[in-house]
PDB file of N, CA and C in Angstrom:
ATOM      1  N   MET A   1      65.063   6.166 204.517  1.00  0.00           N
ATOM      2  CA  MET A   1      65.427   7.575 204.438  1.00  0.00           C
ATOM      3  C   MET A   1      65.552   7.998 202.971  1.00  0.00           C
ATOM      4  N   GLN A   2      65.200   9.240 202.675  1.00  0.00           N
ATOM      5  CA  GLN A   2      65.195   9.726 201.304  1.00  0.00           C
ATOM      6  C   GLN A   2      66.336  10.708 201.081  1.00  0.00           C
ATOM      7  N   ALA A   3      66.592  11.009 199.818  1.00  0.00           N
ATOM      8  CA  ALA A   3      67.626  11.983 199.468  1.00  0.00           C
ATOM      9  C   ALA A   3      67.214  13.368 199.953  1.00  0.00           C
ATOM     10  N   ARG A   4      68.208  14.148 200.384  1.00  0.00           N
ATOM     11  CA  ARG A   4      67.967  15.504 200.883  1.00  0.00           C
ATOM     12  C   ARG A   4      68.399  16.519 199.837  1.00  0.00           C
ATOM     13  N   LEU A   5      67.585  17.540 199.642  1.00  0.00           N
ATOM     14  CA  LEU A   5      67.909  18.618 198.704  1.00  0.00           C
ATOM     15  C   LEU A   5      68.892  19.563 199.387  1.00  0.00           C
ATOM     16  N   THR A   6      70.120  19.637 198.868  1.00  0.00           N
ATOM     17  CA  THR A   6      71.149  20.455 199.510  1.00  0.00           C
ATOM     18  C   THR A   6      71.447  21.754 198.768  1.00  0.00           C
ATOM     19  N   ALA A   7      71.148  21.822 197.467  1.00  0.00           N
ATOM     20  CA  ALA A   7      71.418  23.055 196.715  1.00  0.00           C
ATOM     21  C   ALA A   7      70.627  23.057 195.416  1.00  0.00           C
ATOM     22  N   VAL A   8      70.298  24.254 194.957  1.00  0.00           N
ATOM     23  CA  VAL A   8      69.685  24.434 193.638  1.00  0.00           C
ATOM     24  C   VAL A   8      70.373  25.634 192.994  1.00  0.00           C
ATOM     25  N   PHE A   9      70.870  25.428 191.793  1.00  0.00           N
ATOM     26  CA  PHE A   9      71.531  26.486 191.036  1.00  0.00           C
ATOM     27  C   PHE A   9      70.662  26.818 189.832  1.00  0.00           C
ATOM     28  N   GLU A  10      70.475  28.126 189.592  1.00  0.00           N
ATOM     29  CA  GLU A  10      69.671  28.564 188.458  1.00  0.00           C
ATOM     30  C   GLU A  10      70.439  29.604 187.658  1.00  0.00           C
ATOM     31  N   SER A  11      70.332  29.492 186.349  1.00  0.00           N
ATOM     32  CA  SER A  11      70.919  30.480 185.450  1.00  0.00           C
ATOM     33  C   SER A  11      70.021  30.549 184.226  1.00  0.00           C
ATOM     34  N   GLY A  12      69.345  31.668 184.083  1.00  0.00           N
ATOM     35  CA  GLY A  12      68.382  31.778 182.988  1.00  0.00           C
ATOM     36  C   GLY A  12      67.290  30.744 183.161  1.00  0.00           C
ATOM     37  N   LYS A  13      67.094  29.914 182.143  1.00  0.00           N
ATOM     38  CA  LYS A  13      66.076  28.864 182.216  1.00  0.00           C
ATOM     39  C   LYS A  13      66.644  27.543 182.718  1.00  0.00           C
ATOM     40  N   GLU A  14      67.959  27.493 182.922  1.00  0.00           N
ATOM     41  CA  GLU A  14      68.604  26.263 183.393  1.00  0.00           C
ATOM     42  C   GLU A  14      68.484  26.153 184.909  1.00  0.00           C
ATOM     43  N   ARG A  15      68.249  24.945 185.399  1.00  0.00           N
ATOM     44  CA  ARG A  15      68.121  24.699 186.833  1.00  0.00           C
ATOM     45  C   ARG A  15      68.766  23.354 187.146  1.00  0.00           C
ATOM     46  N   VAL A  16      69.607  23.312 188.182  1.00  0.00           N
ATOM     47  CA  VAL A  16      70.270  22.081 188.606  1.00  0.00           C
ATOM     48  C   VAL A  16      70.050  21.917 190.101  1.00  0.00           C
ATOM     49  N   ALA A  17      69.529  20.765 190.499  1.00  0.00           N
ATOM     50  CA  ALA A  17      69.325  20.450 191.913  1.00  0.00           C
ATOM     51  C   ALA A  17      70.366  19.422 192.336  1.00  0.00           C
ATOM     52  N   ILE A  18      70.950  19.632 193.505  1.00  0.00           N
ATOM     53  CA  ILE A  18      71.917  18.701 194.071  1.00  0.00           C
ATOM     54  C   ILE A  18      71.269  18.066 195.288  1.00  0.00           C
ATOM     55  N   LEU A  19      71.213  16.742 195.269  1.00  0.00           N
ATOM     56  CA  LEU A  19      70.644  16.003 196.391  1.00  0.00           C
ATOM     57  C   LEU A  19      71.713  15.113 197.002  1.00  0.00           C
ATOM     58  N   GLN A  20      71.572  14.841 198.297  1.00  0.00           N
ATOM     59  CA  GLN A  20      72.493  13.940 198.975  1.00  0.00           C
ATOM     60  C   GLN A  20      71.732  12.685 199.367  1.00  0.00           C
ATOM     61  N   ARG A  21      72.250  11.551 198.904  1.00  0.00           N
ATOM     62  CA  ARG A  21      71.634  10.264 199.225  1.00  0.00           C
ATOM     63  C   ARG A  21      71.977   9.866 200.658  1.00  0.00           C
ATOM     64  N   PRO A  22      71.223   8.918 201.226  1.00  0.00           N
ATOM     65  CA  PRO A  22      71.509   8.460 202.592  1.00  0.00           C
ATOM     66  C   PRO A  22      72.932   7.929 202.773  1.00  0.00           C
ATOM     67  N   ASP A  23      73.545   7.395 201.710  1.00  0.00           N
ATOM     68  CA  ASP A  23      74.917   6.874 201.817  1.00  0.00           C
ATOM     69  C   ASP A  23      75.972   7.974 201.691  1.00  0.00           C
ATOM     70  N   GLY A  24      75.540   9.234 201.532  1.00  0.00           N
ATOM     71  CA  GLY A  24      76.462  10.360 201.452  1.00  0.00           C
ATOM     72  C   GLY A  24      76.829  10.769 200.037  1.00  0.00           C
ATOM     73  N   SER A  25      76.518   9.948 199.050  1.00  0.00           N
ATOM     74  CA  SER A  25      76.825  10.300 197.665  1.00  0.00           C
ATOM     75  C   SER A  25      75.861  11.382 197.180  1.00  0.00           C
ATOM     76  N   THR A  26      76.262  12.087 196.128  1.00  0.00           N
ATOM     77  CA  THR A  26      75.421  13.165 195.617  1.00  0.00           C
ATOM     78  C   THR A  26      74.783  12.785 194.291  1.00  0.00           C
ATOM     79  N   LEU A  27      73.680  13.437 194.015  1.00  0.00           N
ATOM     80  CA  LEU A  27      72.908  13.206 192.804  1.00  0.00           C
ATOM     81  C   LEU A  27      72.578  14.566 192.204  1.00  0.00           C
ATOM     82  N   LYS A  28      72.812  14.725 190.907  1.00  0.00           N
ATOM     83  CA  LYS A  28      72.512  15.976 190.201  1.00  0.00           C
ATOM     84  C   LYS A  28      71.306  15.733 189.302  1.00  0.00           C
ATOM     85  N   ILE A  29      70.275  16.555 189.465  1.00  0.00           N
ATOM     86  CA  ILE A  29      69.071  16.448 188.638  1.00  0.00           C
ATOM     87  C   ILE A  29      68.825  17.799 187.975  1.00  0.00           C
ATOM     88  N   THR A  30      68.584  17.773 186.671  1.00  0.00           N
ATOM     89  CA  THR A  30      68.307  19.000 185.917  1.00  0.00           C
ATOM     90  C   THR A  30      66.883  18.934 185.367  1.00  0.00           C
ATOM     91  N   GLY A  31      66.526  19.915 184.594  1.00  0.00           N
ATOM     92  CA  GLY A  31      65.232  19.913 183.930  1.00  0.00           C
ATOM     93  C   GLY A  31      65.161  18.929 182.780  1.00  0.00           C
ATOM     94  N   GLU A  32      66.306  18.347 182.416  1.00  0.00           N
ATOM     95  CA  GLU A  32      66.376  17.426 181.279  1.00  0.00           C
ATOM     96  C   GLU A  32      66.644  15.976 181.677  1.00  0.00           C
ATOM     97  N   THR A  33      67.029  15.709 182.924  1.00  0.00           N
ATOM     98  CA  THR A  33      67.411  14.347 183.314  1.00  0.00           C
ATOM     99  C   THR A  33      66.214  13.411 183.312  1.00  0.00           C
ATOM    100  N   LYS A  34      66.505  12.126 183.178  1.00  0.00           N
ATOM    101  CA  LYS A  34      65.473  11.091 183.198  1.00  0.00           C
ATOM    102  C   LYS A  34      65.916  10.006 184.159  1.00  0.00           C
ATOM    103  N   PRO A  35      65.073   9.353 184.903  1.00  0.00           N
ATOM    104  CA  PRO A  35      63.620   9.452 184.849  1.00  0.00           C
ATOM    105  C   PRO A  35      63.059  10.641 185.631  1.00  0.00           C
ATOM    106  N   TRP A  36      63.863  11.284 186.485  1.00  0.00           N
ATOM    107  CA  TRP A  36      63.377  12.423 187.253  1.00  0.00           C
ATOM    108  C   TRP A  36      63.962  13.714 186.704  1.00  0.00           C
ATOM    109  N   ARG A  37      63.174  14.787 186.790  1.00  0.00           N
ATOM    110  CA  ARG A  37      63.646  16.110 186.385  1.00  0.00           C
ATOM    111  C   ARG A  37      63.106  17.148 187.368  1.00  0.00           C
ATOM    112  N   VAL A  38      63.762  18.291 187.441  1.00  0.00           N
ATOM    113  CA  VAL A  38      63.298  19.396 188.286  1.00  0.00           C
ATOM    114  C   VAL A  38      62.243  20.159 187.502  1.00  0.00           C
ATOM    115  N   GLU A  39      61.080  20.308 188.090  1.00  0.00           N
ATOM    116  CA  GLU A  39      60.036  21.093 187.417  1.00  0.00           C
ATOM    117  C   GLU A  39      60.015  22.533 187.915  1.00  0.00           C
ATOM    118  N   SER A  40      60.178  22.724 189.228  1.00  0.00           N
ATOM    119  CA  SER A  40      60.141  24.087 189.755  1.00  0.00           C
ATOM    120  C   SER A  40      60.936  24.183 191.053  1.00  0.00           C
ATOM    121  N   PHE A  41      61.298  25.421 191.383  1.00  0.00           N
ATOM    122  CA  PHE A  41      61.977  25.725 192.636  1.00  0.00           C
ATOM    123  C   PHE A  41      61.551  27.121 193.038  1.00  0.00           C
ATOM    124  N   ASP A  42      61.051  27.271 194.268  1.00  0.00           N
ATOM    125  CA  ASP A  42      60.555  28.577 194.708  1.00  0.00           C
ATOM    126  C   ASP A  42      61.466  29.260 195.730  1.00  0.00           C
ATOM    127  N   GLY A  43      62.670  28.755 195.882  1.00  0.00           N
ATOM    128  CA  GLY A  43      63.593  29.323 196.858  1.00  0.00           C
ATOM    129  C   GLY A  43      63.633  28.541 198.152  1.00  0.00           C
ATOM    130  N   ARG A  44      62.588  27.767 198.403  1.00  0.00           N
ATOM    131  CA  ARG A  44      62.525  26.956 199.621  1.00  0.00           C
ATOM    132  C   ARG A  44      62.300  25.479 199.353  1.00  0.00           C
ATOM    133  N   LYS A  45      61.608  25.173 198.281  1.00  0.00           N
ATOM    134  CA  LYS A  45      61.351  23.764 197.971  1.00  0.00           C
ATOM    135  C   LYS A  45      61.380  23.548 196.465  1.00  0.00           C
ATOM    136  N   ALA A  46      61.762  22.328 196.100  1.00  0.00           N
ATOM    137  CA  ALA A  46      61.831  21.957 194.687  1.00  0.00           C
ATOM    138  C   ALA A  46      60.795  20.886 194.409  1.00  0.00           C
ATOM    139  N   LEU A  47      60.227  20.936 193.219  1.00  0.00           N
ATOM    140  CA  LEU A  47      59.269  19.929 192.779  1.00  0.00           C
ATOM    141  C   LEU A  47      59.933  19.114 191.679  1.00  0.00           C
ATOM    142  N   PHE A  48      59.961  17.798 191.873  1.00  0.00           N
ATOM    143  CA  PHE A  48      60.544  16.871 190.907  1.00  0.00           C
ATOM    144  C   PHE A  48      59.424  16.060 190.285  1.00  0.00           C
ATOM    145  N   VAL A  49      59.540  15.787 188.981  1.00  0.00           N
ATOM    146  CA  VAL A  49      58.526  15.027 188.250  1.00  0.00           C
ATOM    147  C   VAL A  49      59.216  13.875 187.542  1.00  0.00           C
ATOM    148  N   SER A  50      58.595  12.688 187.624  1.00  0.00           N
ATOM    149  CA  SER A  50      59.165  11.506 186.972  1.00  0.00           C
ATOM    150  C   SER A  50      58.592  11.347 185.572  1.00  0.00           C
ATOM    151  N   ALA A  51      59.180  10.428 184.810  1.00  0.00           N
ATOM    152  CA  ALA A  51      58.726  10.165 183.443  1.00  0.00           C
ATOM    153  C   ALA A  51      57.279   9.680 183.423  1.00  0.00           C
ATOM    154  N   ASP A  52      56.842   8.991 184.493  1.00  0.00           N
ATOM    155  CA  ASP A  52      55.450   8.520 184.544  1.00  0.00           C
ATOM    156  C   ASP A  52      54.555   9.470 185.349  1.00  0.00           C
ATOM    157  N   ASP A  53      54.982  10.734 185.476  1.00  0.00           N
ATOM    158  CA  ASP A  53      54.211  11.833 186.063  1.00  0.00           C
ATOM    159  C   ASP A  53      54.009  11.744 187.575  1.00  0.00           C
ATOM    160  N   GLN A  54      54.872  11.025 188.282  1.00  0.00           N
ATOM    161  CA  GLN A  54      54.846  11.080 189.744  1.00  0.00           C
ATOM    162  C   GLN A  54      55.470  12.408 190.157  1.00  0.00           C
ATOM    163  N   ARG A  55      55.008  12.967 191.253  1.00  0.00           N
ATOM    164  CA  ARG A  55      55.534  14.250 191.726  1.00  0.00           C
ATOM    165  C   ARG A  55      56.034  14.101 193.161  1.00  0.00           C
ATOM    166  N   VAL A  56      57.213  14.665 193.401  1.00  0.00           N
ATOM    167  CA  VAL A  56      57.806  14.634 194.738  1.00  0.00           C
ATOM    168  C   VAL A  56      58.336  16.024 195.048  1.00  0.00           C
ATOM    169  N   GLU A  57      58.043  16.501 196.245  1.00  0.00           N
ATOM    170  CA  GLU A  57      58.509  17.808 196.678  1.00  0.00           C
ATOM    171  C   GLU A  57      59.573  17.609 197.755  1.00  0.00           C
ATOM    172  N   ARG A  58      60.656  18.368 197.673  1.00  0.00           N
ATOM    173  CA  ARG A  58      61.723  18.294 198.668  1.00  0.00           C
ATOM    174  C   ARG A  58      62.046  19.708 199.146  1.00  0.00           C
ATOM    175  N   PRO A  59      62.089  19.912 200.470  1.00  0.00           N
ATOM    176  CA  PRO A  59      62.497  21.227 200.984  1.00  0.00           C
ATOM    177  C   PRO A  59      64.007  21.383 200.893  1.00  0.00           C
ATOM    178  N   LEU A  60      64.453  22.596 200.672  1.00  0.00           N
ATOM    179  CA  LEU A  60      65.882  22.889 200.681  1.00  0.00           C
ATOM    180  C   LEU A  60      66.344  22.847 202.129  1.00  0.00           C
ATOM    181  N   GLU A  61      67.336  22.027 202.410  1.00  0.00           N
ATOM    182  CA  GLU A  61      67.811  21.879 203.783  1.00  0.00           C
ATOM    183  C   GLU A  61      68.899  22.894 204.079  1.00  0.00           C
ATOM    184  N   ALA A  62      68.876  23.412 205.284  1.00  0.00           N
ATOM    185  CA  ALA A  62      69.891  24.379 205.702  1.00  0.00           C
ATOM    186  C   ALA A  62      71.238  23.694 205.808  1.00  0.00           C
ATOM    187  N   GLY A  63      72.255  24.360 205.330  1.00  0.00           N
ATOM    188  CA  GLY A  63      73.607  23.811 205.426  1.00  0.00           C
ATOM    189  C   GLY A  63      74.210  24.129 206.778  1.00  0.00           C
ATOM    190  N   SER A  64      75.249  23.403 207.119  1.00  0.00           N
ATOM    191  CA  SER A  64      75.949  23.682 208.367  1.00  0.00           C
ATOM    192  C   SER A  64      76.991  24.762 208.108  1.00  0.00           C
ATOM    193  N   ALA A  65      77.302  25.521 209.135  1.00  0.00           N
ATOM    194  CA  ALA A  65      78.300  26.579 209.005  1.00  0.00           C
ATOM    195  C   ALA A  65      79.673  25.970 208.788  1.00  0.00           C
ATOM    196  N   ALA A  66      80.468  26.630 207.995  1.00  0.00           N
ATOM    197  CA  ALA A  66      81.826  26.144 207.745  1.00  0.00           C
ATOM    198  C   ALA A  66      82.656  26.282 209.012  1.00  0.00           C
ATOM    199  N   ALA A  67      83.462  25.278 209.291  1.00  0.00           N
ATOM    200  CA  ALA A  67      84.322  25.312 210.470  1.00  0.00           C
ATOM    201  C   ALA A  67      85.482  26.273 210.227  1.00  0.00           C
ATOM    202  N   VAL A  68      85.859  27.001 211.255  1.00  0.00           N
ATOM    203  CA  VAL A  68      86.999  27.906 211.155  1.00  0.00           C
ATOM    204  C   VAL A  68      88.259  27.087 211.340  1.00  0.00           C
ATOM    205  N   LYS A  69      89.169  27.192 210.390  1.00  0.00           N
ATOM    206  CA  LYS A  69      90.422  26.440 210.461  1.00  0.00           C
ATOM    207  C   LYS A  69      91.437  27.184 211.311  1.00  0.00           C
ATOM    208  N   ALA A  70      92.196  26.433 212.078  1.00  0.00           N
ATOM    209  CA  ALA A  70      93.311  27.018 212.814  1.00  0.00           C
ATOM    210  C   ALA A  70      94.476  27.176 211.852  1.00  0.00           C
ATOM    211  N   GLY A  71      95.316  28.099 212.117  1.00  0.00           N
ATOM    212  CA  GLY A  71      96.465  28.328 211.255  1.00  0.00           C
ATOM    213  C   GLY A  71      96.637  29.806 211.012  1.00  0.00           C
ATOM    214  N   PRO A  72      97.580  30.180 210.182  1.00  0.00           N
ATOM    215  CA  PRO A  72      97.877  31.601 209.982  1.00  0.00           C
ATOM    216  C   PRO A  72      96.674  32.419 209.523  1.00  0.00           C
ATOM    217  N   ILE A  73      95.921  31.926 208.570  1.00  0.00           N
ATOM    218  CA  ILE A  73      94.775  32.694 208.070  1.00  0.00           C
ATOM    219  C   ILE A  73      93.588  32.540 209.002  1.00  0.00           C
ATOM    220  N   GLY A  74      93.299  31.320 209.441  1.00  0.00           N
ATOM    221  CA  GLY A  74      92.178  31.083 210.342  1.00  0.00           C
ATOM    222  C   GLY A  74      92.312  31.846 211.642  1.00  0.00           C
ATOM    223  N   ASP A  75      93.544  31.948 212.193  1.00  0.00           N
ATOM    224  CA  ASP A  75      93.756  32.697 213.427  1.00  0.00           C
ATOM    225  C   ASP A  75      93.479  34.181 213.226  1.00  0.00           C
ATOM    226  N   ARG A  76      93.847  34.733 212.070  1.00  0.00           N
ATOM    227  CA  ARG A  76      93.599  36.147 211.791  1.00  0.00           C
ATOM    228  C   ARG A  76      92.110  36.430 211.686  1.00  0.00           C
ATOM    229  N   LEU A  77      91.351  35.463 211.225  1.00  0.00           N
ATOM    230  CA  LEU A  77      89.909  35.665 211.123  1.00  0.00           C
ATOM    231  C   LEU A  77      89.279  35.775 212.501  1.00  0.00           C
ATOM    232  N   ARG A  78      89.837  35.071 213.469  1.00  0.00           N
ATOM    233  CA  ARG A  78      89.271  35.087 214.816  1.00  0.00           C
ATOM    234  C   ARG A  78      89.819  36.221 215.675  1.00  0.00           C
ATOM    235  N   ARG A  79      91.088  36.590 215.482  1.00  0.00           N
ATOM    236  CA  ARG A  79      91.724  37.620 216.305  1.00  0.00           C
ATOM    237  C   ARG A  79      92.121  38.809 215.451  1.00  0.00           C
ATOM    238  N   PRO A  80      91.656  39.988 215.783  1.00  0.00           N
ATOM    239  CA  PRO A  80      92.114  41.163 215.034  1.00  0.00           C
ATOM    240  C   PRO A  80      93.578  41.448 215.361  1.00  0.00           C
ATOM    241  N   ALA A  81      94.248  42.104 214.471  1.00  0.00           N
ATOM    242  CA  ALA A  81      95.652  42.463 214.689  1.00  0.00           C
ATOM    243  C   ALA A  81      95.758  43.398 215.882  1.00  0.00           C
ATOM    244  N   THR A  82      96.776  43.196 216.726  1.00  0.00           N
ATOM    245  CA  THR A  82      96.930  44.008 217.937  1.00  0.00           C
ATOM    246  C   THR A  82      97.741  45.272 217.705  1.00  0.00           C
ATOM    247  N   ASN A  83      98.405  45.398 216.573  1.00  0.00           N
ATOM    248  CA  ASN A  83      99.257  46.566 216.326  1.00  0.00           C
ATOM    249  C   ASN A  83      98.521  47.712 215.634  1.00  0.00           C
ATOM    250  N   GLN A  84      97.245  47.688 215.586  1.00  0.00           N
ATOM    251  CA  GLN A  84      96.509  48.760 214.903  1.00  0.00           C
ATOM    252  C   GLN A  84      95.903  49.723 215.874  1.00  0.00           C
TER     253      GLN A  84
END
């Protein structure tokens, strides 16, 4: 199994890709990292290039929805106030 692309952040010319390894740990790759760097990102997939010019493309994977927490704030998100 290979690392999954979970997020890409861009600011100006800077780009950071976050990947999740099969063991659950995360890996951060930028346009400057070695041996792999991010070459491009089109909003759906990222292209990574190695120091010896190998190319690998990874699709951006959809994240799971955040779970709603029970409790004072979480309950208000699910139930509108009845006194209005």
